[in-house]
Amino acid sequence: MKRFWKDNWFYLCCVAVVFVAMVSALIVVPKAELHLWLNGVHNSFLDGFFRHYSDFVKWPVYVLMALPLLFWKQGWTVVLACTEAASALVVQVLKWAFNMPRPSTFFGQLAEEGSPLATDWQQVVVEGVNMHSWHSFPSGHSATFFVFFSVCAFIYAYEKLPWSKLVGLVCLVLALLGGYSRIYLSQHFLMDVCGGMTEGVLMSAVVFALFVQKGWTEKEWFGKNLLKR
């Protein structure tokens, strides 16, 4: 555990800063107003960009993104697969336990109450996006983004590759873009993304640290790849 913290303290501290900023915004700004503020800028380029970026964690694109690990060390693929499986299970349990409304349902209820915020929300819905209604918290896409990029950051630091802090920061930005895409597409609230981020990072840290602590990353099978059998 000491080695894991030593290798990844910078990345984890950056995540903690983002978490505090998110929670602060959630405390200060009402839910509906915060969502509309985060959706304040829309244009055709961003609509297309975030629609496609959000799909990176869907099958089969996600598998193709992880495939290069098999040509380096198959063990890292096992770590990513175990982390993703554990994270997906926890996310689904939380989604069904809380069963919170998505923005489409939430603002639909405001429309029934005659709130002008519902009209404002209709102006930031991206055309062609299939809107979901329930199981909003936590965001599964956000959790998957943070699982993938957190594991990538942890691997890079573990292998003692150059510029590990910079790479970790880039991984965090890419994961945050994935989380924001869910807000931009009005599929989730900031609270959902914050929950997905927290769950994804924690699950990645626990599984990765377990593999390191147990010494599995030093086993012979771990270092094999598809090109060396």
C-alpha atoms as a PDB file:
ATOM      1  CA  MET A   1       0.000   0.000   0.000  1.00  0.00           C
ATOM      2  CA  LYS A   2       2.916   2.340   0.744  1.00  0.00           C
ATOM      3  CA  ARG A   3       4.305   1.864  -2.751  1.00  0.00           C
ATOM      4  CA  PHE A   4       0.896   2.482  -4.301  1.00  0.00           C
ATOM      5  CA  TRP A   5       0.505   5.782  -2.445  1.00  0.00           C
ATOM      6  CA  LYS A   6       4.100   6.792  -3.221  1.00  0.00           C
ATOM      7  CA  ASP A   7       3.576   6.166  -6.934  1.00  0.00           C
ATOM      8  CA  ASN A   8       0.149   7.792  -7.201  1.00  0.00           C
ATOM      9  CA  TRP A   9      -0.093  10.508  -4.542  1.00  0.00           C
ATOM     10  CA  PHE A  10      -0.122  13.310  -7.122  1.00  0.00           C
ATOM     11  CA  TYR A  11      -2.969  11.799  -9.169  1.00  0.00           C
ATOM     12  CA  LEU A  12      -5.029  10.980  -6.068  1.00  0.00           C
ATOM     13  CA  CYS A  13      -4.504  14.468  -4.631  1.00  0.00           C
ATOM     14  CA  CYS A  14      -5.691  16.018  -7.913  1.00  0.00           C
ATOM     15  CA  VAL A  15      -8.791  13.810  -7.786  1.00  0.00           C
ATOM     16  CA  ALA A  16      -9.384  14.942  -4.191  1.00  0.00           C
ATOM     17  CA  VAL A  17      -9.200  18.604  -5.266  1.00  0.00           C
ATOM     18  CA  VAL A  18     -11.756  17.974  -8.030  1.00  0.00           C
ATOM     19  CA  PHE A  19     -13.988  16.108  -5.576  1.00  0.00           C
ATOM     20  CA  VAL A  20     -13.942  19.000  -3.100  1.00  0.00           C
ATOM     21  CA  ALA A  21     -14.757  21.465  -5.899  1.00  0.00           C
ATOM     22  CA  MET A  22     -17.696  19.331  -7.048  1.00  0.00           C
ATOM     23  CA  VAL A  23     -19.091  18.887  -3.561  1.00  0.00           C
ATOM     24  CA  SER A  24     -18.737  22.613  -2.879  1.00  0.00           C
ATOM     25  CA  ALA A  25     -20.697  23.441  -6.033  1.00  0.00           C
ATOM     26  CA  LEU A  26     -23.381  20.921  -5.079  1.00  0.00           C
ATOM     27  CA  ILE A  27     -23.746  22.504  -1.643  1.00  0.00           C
ATOM     28  CA  VAL A  28     -23.835  26.116  -2.836  1.00  0.00           C
ATOM     29  CA  VAL A  29     -25.910  25.929  -6.044  1.00  0.00           C
ATOM     30  CA  PRO A  30     -29.395  24.329  -6.295  1.00  0.00           C
ATOM     31  CA  LYS A  31     -29.551  21.165  -8.382  1.00  0.00           C
ATOM     32  CA  ALA A  32     -31.582  22.508 -11.321  1.00  0.00           C
ATOM     33  CA  GLU A  33     -29.702  25.802 -11.620  1.00  0.00           C
ATOM     34  CA  LEU A  34     -26.342  24.046 -11.426  1.00  0.00           C
ATOM     35  CA  HIS A  35     -27.294  21.661 -14.222  1.00  0.00           C
ATOM     36  CA  LEU A  36     -28.460  24.505 -16.468  1.00  0.00           C
ATOM     37  CA  TRP A  37     -25.305  26.506 -15.717  1.00  0.00           C
ATOM     38  CA  LEU A  38     -23.077  23.571 -16.653  1.00  0.00           C
ATOM     39  CA  ASN A  39     -25.068  23.265 -19.885  1.00  0.00           C
ATOM     40  CA  GLY A  40     -24.818  26.966 -20.618  1.00  0.00           C
ATOM     41  CA  VAL A  41     -22.769  26.686 -23.806  1.00  0.00           C
ATOM     42  CA  HIS A  42     -24.006  24.516 -26.672  1.00  0.00           C
ATOM     43  CA  ASN A  43     -23.039  24.436 -30.344  1.00  0.00           C
ATOM     44  CA  SER A  44     -23.014  21.887 -33.157  1.00  0.00           C
ATOM     45  CA  PHE A  45     -19.326  21.032 -32.706  1.00  0.00           C
ATOM     46  CA  LEU A  46     -19.609  20.331 -28.983  1.00  0.00           C
ATOM     47  CA  ASP A  47     -22.858  18.416 -29.530  1.00  0.00           C
ATOM     48  CA  GLY A  48     -21.101  16.032 -31.896  1.00  0.00           C
ATOM     49  CA  PHE A  49     -17.895  15.861 -29.871  1.00  0.00           C
ATOM     50  CA  PHE A  50     -19.525  14.928 -26.578  1.00  0.00           C
ATOM     51  CA  ARG A  51     -21.960  12.488 -28.198  1.00  0.00           C
ATOM     52  CA  HIS A  52     -19.039  10.524 -29.648  1.00  0.00           C
ATOM     53  CA  TYR A  53     -16.724  10.973 -26.667  1.00  0.00           C
ATOM     54  CA  SER A  54     -19.366   9.565 -24.344  1.00  0.00           C
ATOM     55  CA  ASP A  55     -19.481   6.423 -26.489  1.00  0.00           C
ATOM     56  CA  PHE A  56     -15.814   5.584 -25.874  1.00  0.00           C
ATOM     57  CA  VAL A  57     -16.774   3.492 -22.852  1.00  0.00           C
ATOM     58  CA  LYS A  58     -19.379   1.483 -24.728  1.00  0.00           C
ATOM     59  CA  TRP A  59     -18.859  -1.914 -26.350  1.00  0.00           C
ATOM     60  CA  PRO A  60     -16.923  -2.517 -28.592  1.00  0.00           C
ATOM     61  CA  VAL A  61     -14.935   0.732 -28.490  1.00  0.00           C
ATOM     62  CA  TYR A  62     -13.999   0.240 -24.830  1.00  0.00           C
ATOM     63  CA  VAL A  63     -12.571  -3.207 -25.549  1.00  0.00           C
ATOM     64  CA  LEU A  64     -10.552  -1.844 -28.457  1.00  0.00           C
ATOM     65  CA  MET A  65      -9.147   0.878 -26.184  1.00  0.00           C
ATOM     66  CA  ALA A  66      -7.995  -1.753 -23.677  1.00  0.00           C
ATOM     67  CA  LEU A  67      -6.677  -4.235 -26.271  1.00  0.00           C
ATOM     68  CA  PRO A  68      -3.125  -2.769 -26.506  1.00  0.00           C
ATOM     69  CA  LEU A  69      -2.480  -3.900 -22.922  1.00  0.00           C
ATOM     70  CA  LEU A  70      -2.554  -7.522 -24.139  1.00  0.00           C
ATOM     71  CA  PHE A  71       0.427  -6.779 -26.362  1.00  0.00           C
ATOM     72  CA  TRP A  72       2.380  -5.323 -23.439  1.00  0.00           C
ATOM     73  CA  LYS A  73       1.552  -7.290 -20.289  1.00  0.00           C
ATOM     74  CA  GLN A  74      -1.513  -9.467 -20.107  1.00  0.00           C
ATOM     75  CA  GLY A  75      -1.627  -8.904 -16.365  1.00  0.00           C
ATOM     76  CA  TRP A  76      -2.630  -5.291 -16.821  1.00  0.00           C
ATOM     77  CA  THR A  77      -5.595  -6.446 -18.867  1.00  0.00           C
ATOM     78  CA  VAL A  78      -6.583  -8.696 -15.958  1.00  0.00           C
ATOM     79  CA  VAL A  79      -6.304  -5.757 -13.547  1.00  0.00           C
ATOM     80  CA  LEU A  80      -8.470  -3.567 -15.777  1.00  0.00           C
ATOM     81  CA  ALA A  81     -11.028  -6.338 -16.315  1.00  0.00           C
ATOM     82  CA  CYS A  82     -11.293  -7.099 -12.578  1.00  0.00           C
ATOM     83  CA  THR A  83     -11.625  -3.414 -11.739  1.00  0.00           C
ATOM     84  CA  GLU A  84     -14.271  -2.817 -14.381  1.00  0.00           C
ATOM     85  CA  ALA A  85     -16.285  -5.881 -13.333  1.00  0.00           C
ATOM     86  CA  ALA A  86     -16.209  -4.889  -9.649  1.00  0.00           C
ATOM     87  CA  SER A  87     -17.055  -1.274 -10.450  1.00  0.00           C
ATOM     88  CA  ALA A  88     -19.937  -2.209 -12.759  1.00  0.00           C
ATOM     89  CA  LEU A  89     -21.437  -4.427 -10.043  1.00  0.00           C
ATOM     90  CA  VAL A  90     -21.241  -1.698  -7.394  1.00  0.00           C
ATOM     91  CA  VAL A  91     -22.654   0.926  -9.780  1.00  0.00           C
ATOM     92  CA  GLN A  92     -25.644  -1.213 -10.684  1.00  0.00           C
ATOM     93  CA  VAL A  93     -26.400  -1.955  -7.035  1.00  0.00           C
ATOM     94  CA  LEU A  94     -26.273   1.760  -6.205  1.00  0.00           C
ATOM     95  CA  LYS A  95     -28.375   2.716  -9.239  1.00  0.00           C
ATOM     96  CA  TRP A  96     -31.185   0.364  -8.264  1.00  0.00           C
ATOM     97  CA  ALA A  97     -30.899   1.180  -4.562  1.00  0.00           C
ATOM     98  CA  PHE A  98     -31.256   4.956  -5.051  1.00  0.00           C
ATOM     99  CA  ASN A  99     -33.349   4.881  -8.270  1.00  0.00           C
ATOM    100  CA  MET A 100     -33.039   8.658  -8.656  1.00  0.00           C
ATOM    101  CA  PRO A 101     -34.605  10.543 -11.602  1.00  0.00           C
ATOM    102  CA  ARG A 102     -32.514  11.583 -14.588  1.00  0.00           C
ATOM    103  CA  PRO A 103     -32.633  15.193 -15.811  1.00  0.00           C
ATOM    104  CA  SER A 104     -35.388  14.371 -18.317  1.00  0.00           C
ATOM    105  CA  THR A 105     -37.665  13.116 -15.544  1.00  0.00           C
ATOM    106  CA  PHE A 106     -36.588  15.755 -13.034  1.00  0.00           C
ATOM    107  CA  PHE A 107     -37.250  18.687 -15.385  1.00  0.00           C
ATOM    108  CA  GLY A 108     -40.431  16.998 -16.610  1.00  0.00           C
ATOM    109  CA  GLN A 109     -41.715  17.140 -13.045  1.00  0.00           C
ATOM    110  CA  LEU A 110     -40.738  20.821 -12.889  1.00  0.00           C
ATOM    111  CA  ALA A 111     -42.698  21.404 -16.112  1.00  0.00           C
ATOM    112  CA  GLU A 112     -45.806  19.945 -14.481  1.00  0.00           C
ATOM    113  CA  GLU A 113     -45.300  22.436 -11.660  1.00  0.00           C
ATOM    114  CA  GLY A 114     -45.067  25.279 -14.176  1.00  0.00           C
ATOM    115  CA  SER A 115     -41.416  26.092 -13.447  1.00  0.00           C
ATOM    116  CA  PRO A 116     -39.646  28.179 -16.145  1.00  0.00           C
ATOM    117  CA  LEU A 117     -36.506  26.110 -15.515  1.00  0.00           C
ATOM    118  CA  ALA A 118     -38.097  23.259 -17.484  1.00  0.00           C
ATOM    119  CA  THR A 119     -38.274  25.471 -20.582  1.00  0.00           C
ATOM    120  CA  ASP A 120     -34.632  26.479 -20.141  1.00  0.00           C
ATOM    121  CA  TRP A 121     -33.668  22.808 -19.954  1.00  0.00           C
ATOM    122  CA  GLN A 122     -35.336  22.009 -23.287  1.00  0.00           C
ATOM    123  CA  GLN A 123     -32.933  24.441 -24.934  1.00  0.00           C
ATOM    124  CA  VAL A 124     -29.866  22.429 -23.892  1.00  0.00           C
ATOM    125  CA  VAL A 125     -31.019  18.952 -24.925  1.00  0.00           C
ATOM    126  CA  VAL A 126     -28.832  17.521 -27.701  1.00  0.00           C
ATOM    127  CA  GLU A 127     -30.880  16.391 -30.686  1.00  0.00           C
ATOM    128  CA  GLY A 128     -30.791  12.667 -31.412  1.00  0.00           C
ATOM    129  CA  VAL A 129     -29.764  11.585 -27.903  1.00  0.00           C
ATOM    130  CA  ASN A 130     -31.959   8.860 -26.430  1.00  0.00           C
ATOM    131  CA  MET A 131     -32.854  10.272 -23.021  1.00  0.00           C
ATOM    132  CA  HIS A 132     -33.077   7.921 -20.056  1.00  0.00           C
ATOM    133  CA  SER A 133     -35.502   8.451 -17.202  1.00  0.00           C
ATOM    134  CA  TRP A 134     -34.304   6.810 -13.983  1.00  0.00           C
ATOM    135  CA  HIS A 135     -31.325   5.206 -12.196  1.00  0.00           C
ATOM    136  CA  SER A 136     -29.370   8.447 -12.363  1.00  0.00           C
ATOM    137  CA  PHE A 137     -27.019   8.041  -9.395  1.00  0.00           C
ATOM    138  CA  PRO A 138     -24.211   7.233  -9.836  1.00  0.00           C
ATOM    139  CA  SER A 139     -23.226   7.753 -13.466  1.00  0.00           C
ATOM    140  CA  GLY A 140     -22.073   4.441 -14.915  1.00  0.00           C
ATOM    141  CA  HIS A 141     -20.320   6.100 -17.844  1.00  0.00           C
ATOM    142  CA  SER A 142     -18.406   8.374 -15.476  1.00  0.00           C
ATOM    143  CA  ALA A 143     -17.382   5.422 -13.321  1.00  0.00           C
ATOM    144  CA  THR A 144     -16.109   3.559 -16.388  1.00  0.00           C
ATOM    145  CA  PHE A 145     -14.183   6.578 -17.640  1.00  0.00           C
ATOM    146  CA  PHE A 146     -12.489   6.947 -14.268  1.00  0.00           C
ATOM    147  CA  VAL A 147     -11.792   3.229 -13.979  1.00  0.00           C
ATOM    148  CA  PHE A 148     -10.063   3.166 -17.354  1.00  0.00           C
ATOM    149  CA  PHE A 149      -8.019   6.329 -16.990  1.00  0.00           C
ATOM    150  CA  SER A 150      -7.201   5.751 -13.305  1.00  0.00           C
ATOM    151  CA  VAL A 151      -5.862   2.291 -14.066  1.00  0.00           C
ATOM    152  CA  CYS A 152      -3.868   3.755 -16.969  1.00  0.00           C
ATOM    153  CA  ALA A 153      -2.384   6.392 -14.633  1.00  0.00           C
ATOM    154  CA  PHE A 154      -1.579   3.761 -11.997  1.00  0.00           C
ATOM    155  CA  ILE A 155       0.083   1.487 -14.570  1.00  0.00           C
ATOM    156  CA  TYR A 156       2.191   4.316 -15.944  1.00  0.00           C
ATOM    157  CA  ALA A 157       3.397   5.256 -12.449  1.00  0.00           C
ATOM    158  CA  TYR A 158       4.014   1.619 -11.434  1.00  0.00           C
ATOM    159  CA  GLU A 159       6.171   0.983 -14.486  1.00  0.00           C
ATOM    160  CA  LYS A 160       8.301   4.038 -13.610  1.00  0.00           C
ATOM    161  CA  LEU A 161       7.769   5.548 -17.035  1.00  0.00           C
ATOM    162  CA  PRO A 162       8.825   9.193 -17.609  1.00  0.00           C
ATOM    163  CA  TRP A 163       6.536  12.144 -16.964  1.00  0.00           C
ATOM    164  CA  SER A 164       4.209  10.043 -14.804  1.00  0.00           C
ATOM    165  CA  LYS A 165       2.702  13.071 -13.029  1.00  0.00           C
ATOM    166  CA  LEU A 166       1.939  14.789 -16.326  1.00  0.00           C
ATOM    167  CA  VAL A 167       0.424  11.595 -17.746  1.00  0.00           C
ATOM    168  CA  GLY A 168      -1.669  11.204 -14.601  1.00  0.00           C
ATOM    169  CA  LEU A 169      -2.942  14.755 -15.000  1.00  0.00           C
ATOM    170  CA  VAL A 170      -3.817  14.111 -18.663  1.00  0.00           C
ATOM    171  CA  CYS A 171      -5.654  10.923 -17.653  1.00  0.00           C
ATOM    172  CA  LEU A 172      -7.644  12.896 -15.085  1.00  0.00           C
ATOM    173  CA  VAL A 173      -8.602  15.549 -17.659  1.00  0.00           C
ATOM    174  CA  LEU A 174      -9.708  12.866 -20.142  1.00  0.00           C
ATOM    175  CA  ALA A 175     -11.789  11.154 -17.464  1.00  0.00           C
ATOM    176  CA  LEU A 176     -13.361  14.470 -16.468  1.00  0.00           C
ATOM    177  CA  LEU A 177     -14.272  15.134 -20.094  1.00  0.00           C
ATOM    178  CA  GLY A 178     -16.091  11.803 -20.097  1.00  0.00           C
ATOM    179  CA  GLY A 179     -17.935  12.735 -16.929  1.00  0.00           C
ATOM    180  CA  TYR A 180     -18.830  16.168 -18.254  1.00  0.00           C
ATOM    181  CA  SER A 181     -20.138  14.615 -21.479  1.00  0.00           C
ATOM    182  CA  ARG A 182     -22.898  13.008 -19.410  1.00  0.00           C
ATOM    183  CA  ILE A 183     -23.888  16.411 -18.024  1.00  0.00           C
ATOM    184  CA  TYR A 184     -23.598  18.077 -21.419  1.00  0.00           C
ATOM    185  CA  LEU A 185     -25.924  15.452 -22.926  1.00  0.00           C
ATOM    186  CA  SER A 186     -28.327  15.954 -19.977  1.00  0.00           C
ATOM    187  CA  GLN A 187     -28.159  12.280 -19.044  1.00  0.00           C
ATOM    188  CA  HIS A 188     -26.845  12.991 -15.549  1.00  0.00           C
ATOM    189  CA  PHE A 189     -26.468  15.670 -12.906  1.00  0.00           C
ATOM    190  CA  LEU A 190     -23.140  16.762 -11.426  1.00  0.00           C
ATOM    191  CA  MET A 191     -23.955  14.734  -8.311  1.00  0.00           C
ATOM    192  CA  ASP A 192     -24.190  11.587 -10.442  1.00  0.00           C
ATOM    193  CA  VAL A 193     -20.861  12.296 -12.122  1.00  0.00           C
ATOM    194  CA  CYS A 194     -19.237  13.010  -8.759  1.00  0.00           C
ATOM    195  CA  GLY A 195     -20.552   9.697  -7.460  1.00  0.00           C
ATOM    196  CA  GLY A 196     -19.327   7.841 -10.538  1.00  0.00           C
ATOM    197  CA  MET A 197     -15.902   9.478 -10.281  1.00  0.00           C
ATOM    198  CA  THR A 198     -15.575   8.608  -6.600  1.00  0.00           C
ATOM    199  CA  GLU A 199     -16.664   5.015  -7.081  1.00  0.00           C
ATOM    200  CA  GLY A 200     -14.467   4.534 -10.156  1.00  0.00           C
ATOM    201  CA  VAL A 201     -11.312   5.928  -8.553  1.00  0.00           C
ATOM    202  CA  LEU A 202     -11.820   4.095  -5.259  1.00  0.00           C
ATOM    203  CA  MET A 203     -12.492   0.774  -6.968  1.00  0.00           C
ATOM    204  CA  SER A 204      -9.464   1.233  -9.229  1.00  0.00           C
ATOM    205  CA  ALA A 205      -7.235   2.048  -6.256  1.00  0.00           C
ATOM    206  CA  VAL A 206      -8.461  -0.915  -4.198  1.00  0.00           C
ATOM    207  CA  VAL A 207      -8.069  -3.512  -6.962  1.00  0.00           C
ATOM    208  CA  PHE A 208      -4.740  -2.135  -8.203  1.00  0.00           C
ATOM    209  CA  ALA A 209      -3.283  -1.915  -4.690  1.00  0.00           C
ATOM    210  CA  LEU A 210      -4.463  -5.478  -4.011  1.00  0.00           C
ATOM    211  CA  PHE A 211      -2.611  -6.818  -7.064  1.00  0.00           C
ATOM    212  CA  VAL A 212       0.543  -4.965  -6.012  1.00  0.00           C
ATOM    213  CA  GLN A 213       0.311  -5.944  -2.337  1.00  0.00           C
ATOM    214  CA  LYS A 214      -0.233  -9.620  -3.132  1.00  0.00           C
ATOM    215  CA  GLY A 215       2.782  -9.605  -5.447  1.00  0.00           C
ATOM    216  CA  TRP A 216       0.743 -10.733  -8.437  1.00  0.00           C
ATOM    217  CA  THR A 217       2.254  -7.995 -10.623  1.00  0.00           C
ATOM    218  CA  GLU A 218       5.648  -9.697 -10.214  1.00  0.00           C
ATOM    219  CA  LYS A 219       4.474 -13.161 -11.282  1.00  0.00           C
ATOM    220  CA  GLU A 220       5.727 -14.660 -14.527  1.00  0.00           C
ATOM    221  CA  TRP A 221       2.254 -14.997 -16.031  1.00  0.00           C
ATOM    222  CA  PHE A 222       1.587 -11.321 -15.410  1.00  0.00           C
ATOM    223  CA  GLY A 223       4.347 -10.135 -17.721  1.00  0.00           C
ATOM    224  CA  LYS A 224       3.463 -12.331 -20.691  1.00  0.00           C
ATOM    225  CA  ASN A 225       1.740 -10.923 -23.777  1.00  0.00           C
ATOM    226  CA  LEU A 226       0.155 -12.081 -27.006  1.00  0.00           C
ATOM    227  CA  LEU A 227       3.478 -11.843 -28.853  1.00  0.00           C
ATOM    228  CA  LYS A 228       5.467 -13.882 -26.321  1.00  0.00           C
ATOM    229  CA  ARG A 229       4.020 -17.270 -25.552  1.00  0.00           C
END
